[in-house]
Amino acid sequence: MQVPLWLALLVVGYLGVKLIRPPAWLIAVLLLGGFLLADSVLAPVIDSFLK
């Protein structure tokens, strides 16, 4: 069974918010920070580190 990445992330994110109940500002910081880092000059460094 193959699940699209966007669907898996959506389900994991939804369950994480429902079960752990993090503050809204923390969710916003993580989403915005990840978006900004993915489009920065640090993206190749982070990519090589994660592989």
N, C-alpha and C. Protein backbone atom coordinates (compact mmCIF):
# COMPACT_ATOMS: atom_id res chain seq x y z
N MET A 1 0.85 -1.18 0.00
CA MET A 1 0.00 0.00 0.00
C MET A 1 0.89 1.24 0.00
N GLN A 2 0.68 2.11 -0.95
CA GLN A 2 1.45 3.34 -1.01
C GLN A 2 0.54 4.52 -0.69
N VAL A 3 1.01 5.32 0.25
CA VAL A 3 0.25 6.49 0.69
C VAL A 3 1.01 7.74 0.25
N PRO A 4 0.33 8.73 -0.33
CA PRO A 4 1.03 9.96 -0.71
C PRO A 4 1.63 10.65 0.53
N LEU A 5 2.78 11.28 0.34
CA LEU A 5 3.47 11.94 1.45
C LEU A 5 2.61 13.01 2.09
N TRP A 6 1.90 13.78 1.28
CA TRP A 6 1.08 14.86 1.83
C TRP A 6 -0.03 14.31 2.73
N LEU A 7 -0.58 13.16 2.36
CA LEU A 7 -1.63 12.57 3.18
C LEU A 7 -1.06 12.03 4.49
N ALA A 8 0.09 11.40 4.43
CA ALA A 8 0.72 10.88 5.65
C ALA A 8 1.07 12.02 6.60
N LEU A 9 1.62 13.11 6.06
CA LEU A 9 1.96 14.27 6.90
C LEU A 9 0.72 14.90 7.51
N LEU A 10 -0.34 14.97 6.73
CA LEU A 10 -1.59 15.53 7.23
C LEU A 10 -2.15 14.70 8.38
N VAL A 11 -2.14 13.38 8.24
CA VAL A 11 -2.66 12.50 9.29
C VAL A 11 -1.79 12.56 10.54
N VAL A 12 -0.48 12.52 10.37
CA VAL A 12 0.43 12.59 11.52
C VAL A 12 0.31 13.94 12.22
N GLY A 13 0.21 15.01 11.44
CA GLY A 13 0.05 16.34 12.04
C GLY A 13 -1.25 16.47 12.80
N TYR A 14 -2.33 15.97 12.21
CA TYR A 14 -3.63 16.04 12.88
C TYR A 14 -3.63 15.25 14.19
N LEU A 15 -3.10 14.03 14.14
CA LEU A 15 -3.05 13.21 15.36
C LEU A 15 -2.14 13.83 16.42
N GLY A 16 -1.02 14.40 15.97
CA GLY A 16 -0.12 15.04 16.92
C GLY A 16 -0.76 16.21 17.63
N VAL A 17 -1.50 17.02 16.89
CA VAL A 17 -2.17 18.18 17.50
C VAL A 17 -3.28 17.72 18.43
N LYS A 18 -4.02 16.69 18.03
CA LYS A 18 -5.12 16.22 18.87
C LYS A 18 -4.63 15.53 20.14
N LEU A 19 -3.55 14.76 20.04
CA LEU A 19 -3.11 13.97 21.19
C LEU A 19 -2.19 14.76 22.12
N ILE A 20 -1.28 15.55 21.55
CA ILE A 20 -0.28 16.25 22.38
C ILE A 20 -0.76 17.65 22.78
N ARG A 21 -1.58 18.27 21.95
CA ARG A 21 -2.12 19.61 22.18
C ARG A 21 -1.04 20.67 22.43
N PRO A 22 -0.14 20.85 21.44
CA PRO A 22 0.86 21.91 21.61
C PRO A 22 0.21 23.28 21.44
N PRO A 23 0.84 24.33 21.97
CA PRO A 23 0.29 25.68 21.79
C PRO A 23 0.31 26.10 20.32
N ALA A 24 -0.62 26.95 19.95
CA ALA A 24 -0.75 27.39 18.56
C ALA A 24 0.51 28.12 18.09
N TRP A 25 1.16 28.89 18.98
CA TRP A 25 2.36 29.63 18.56
C TRP A 25 3.48 28.67 18.20
N LEU A 26 3.57 27.54 18.88
CA LEU A 26 4.62 26.57 18.58
C LEU A 26 4.39 25.93 17.20
N ILE A 27 3.15 25.63 16.89
CA ILE A 27 2.84 25.09 15.56
C ILE A 27 3.20 26.10 14.48
N ALA A 28 2.84 27.36 14.70
CA ALA A 28 3.13 28.41 13.72
C ALA A 28 4.62 28.60 13.54
N VAL A 29 5.38 28.58 14.63
CA VAL A 29 6.84 28.75 14.54
C VAL A 29 7.48 27.59 13.80
N LEU A 30 7.06 26.37 14.07
CA LEU A 30 7.62 25.22 13.38
C LEU A 30 7.29 25.23 11.89
N LEU A 31 6.05 25.55 11.55
CA LEU A 31 5.67 25.60 10.14
C LEU A 31 6.40 26.72 9.40
N LEU A 32 6.41 27.90 9.97
CA LEU A 32 7.08 29.04 9.32
C LEU A 32 8.58 28.83 9.26
N GLY A 33 9.16 28.33 10.35
CA GLY A 33 10.60 28.07 10.37
C GLY A 33 11.01 27.02 9.35
N GLY A 34 10.24 25.96 9.23
CA GLY A 34 10.54 24.93 8.24
C GLY A 34 10.41 25.44 6.83
N PHE A 35 9.38 26.25 6.60
CA PHE A 35 9.19 26.82 5.27
C PHE A 35 10.34 27.75 4.90
N LEU A 36 10.76 28.59 5.84
CA LEU A 36 11.84 29.54 5.57
C LEU A 36 13.19 28.83 5.41
N LEU A 37 13.44 27.80 6.22
CA LEU A 37 14.70 27.06 6.09
C LEU A 37 14.77 26.27 4.79
N ALA A 38 13.65 25.76 4.33
CA ALA A 38 13.64 24.98 3.10
C ALA A 38 13.97 25.83 1.88
N ASP A 39 13.73 27.12 1.98
CA ASP A 39 13.98 28.01 0.85
C ASP A 39 15.21 28.89 1.07
N SER A 40 16.05 28.56 2.04
CA SER A 40 17.21 29.38 2.34
C SER A 40 18.49 28.76 1.77
N VAL A 41 19.59 29.46 1.97
CA VAL A 41 20.89 28.94 1.50
C VAL A 41 21.36 27.77 2.36
N LEU A 42 20.73 27.57 3.50
CA LEU A 42 21.09 26.46 4.38
C LEU A 42 20.45 25.14 3.96
N ALA A 43 19.55 25.18 3.00
CA ALA A 43 18.82 23.97 2.59
C ALA A 43 19.75 22.84 2.15
N PRO A 44 20.79 23.09 1.33
CA PRO A 44 21.69 21.98 0.94
C PRO A 44 22.44 21.39 2.14
N VAL A 45 22.80 22.23 3.10
CA VAL A 45 23.50 21.74 4.29
C VAL A 45 22.58 20.86 5.13
N ILE A 46 21.35 21.30 5.30
CA ILE A 46 20.39 20.52 6.08
C ILE A 46 20.08 19.22 5.35
N ASP A 47 19.96 19.29 4.03
CA ASP A 47 19.65 18.09 3.24
C ASP A 47 20.77 17.06 3.35
N SER A 48 22.01 17.50 3.25
CA SER A 48 23.12 16.55 3.36
C SER A 48 23.25 15.99 4.77
N PHE A 49 22.90 16.79 5.77
CA PHE A 49 22.95 16.34 7.16
C PHE A 49 21.89 15.28 7.44
N LEU A 50 20.70 15.44 6.85
CA LEU A 50 19.61 14.51 7.09
C LEU A 50 19.77 13.20 6.33
N LYS A 51 20.55 13.21 5.27
CA LYS A 51 20.77 11.98 4.51
C LYS A 51 21.87 11.23 5.16
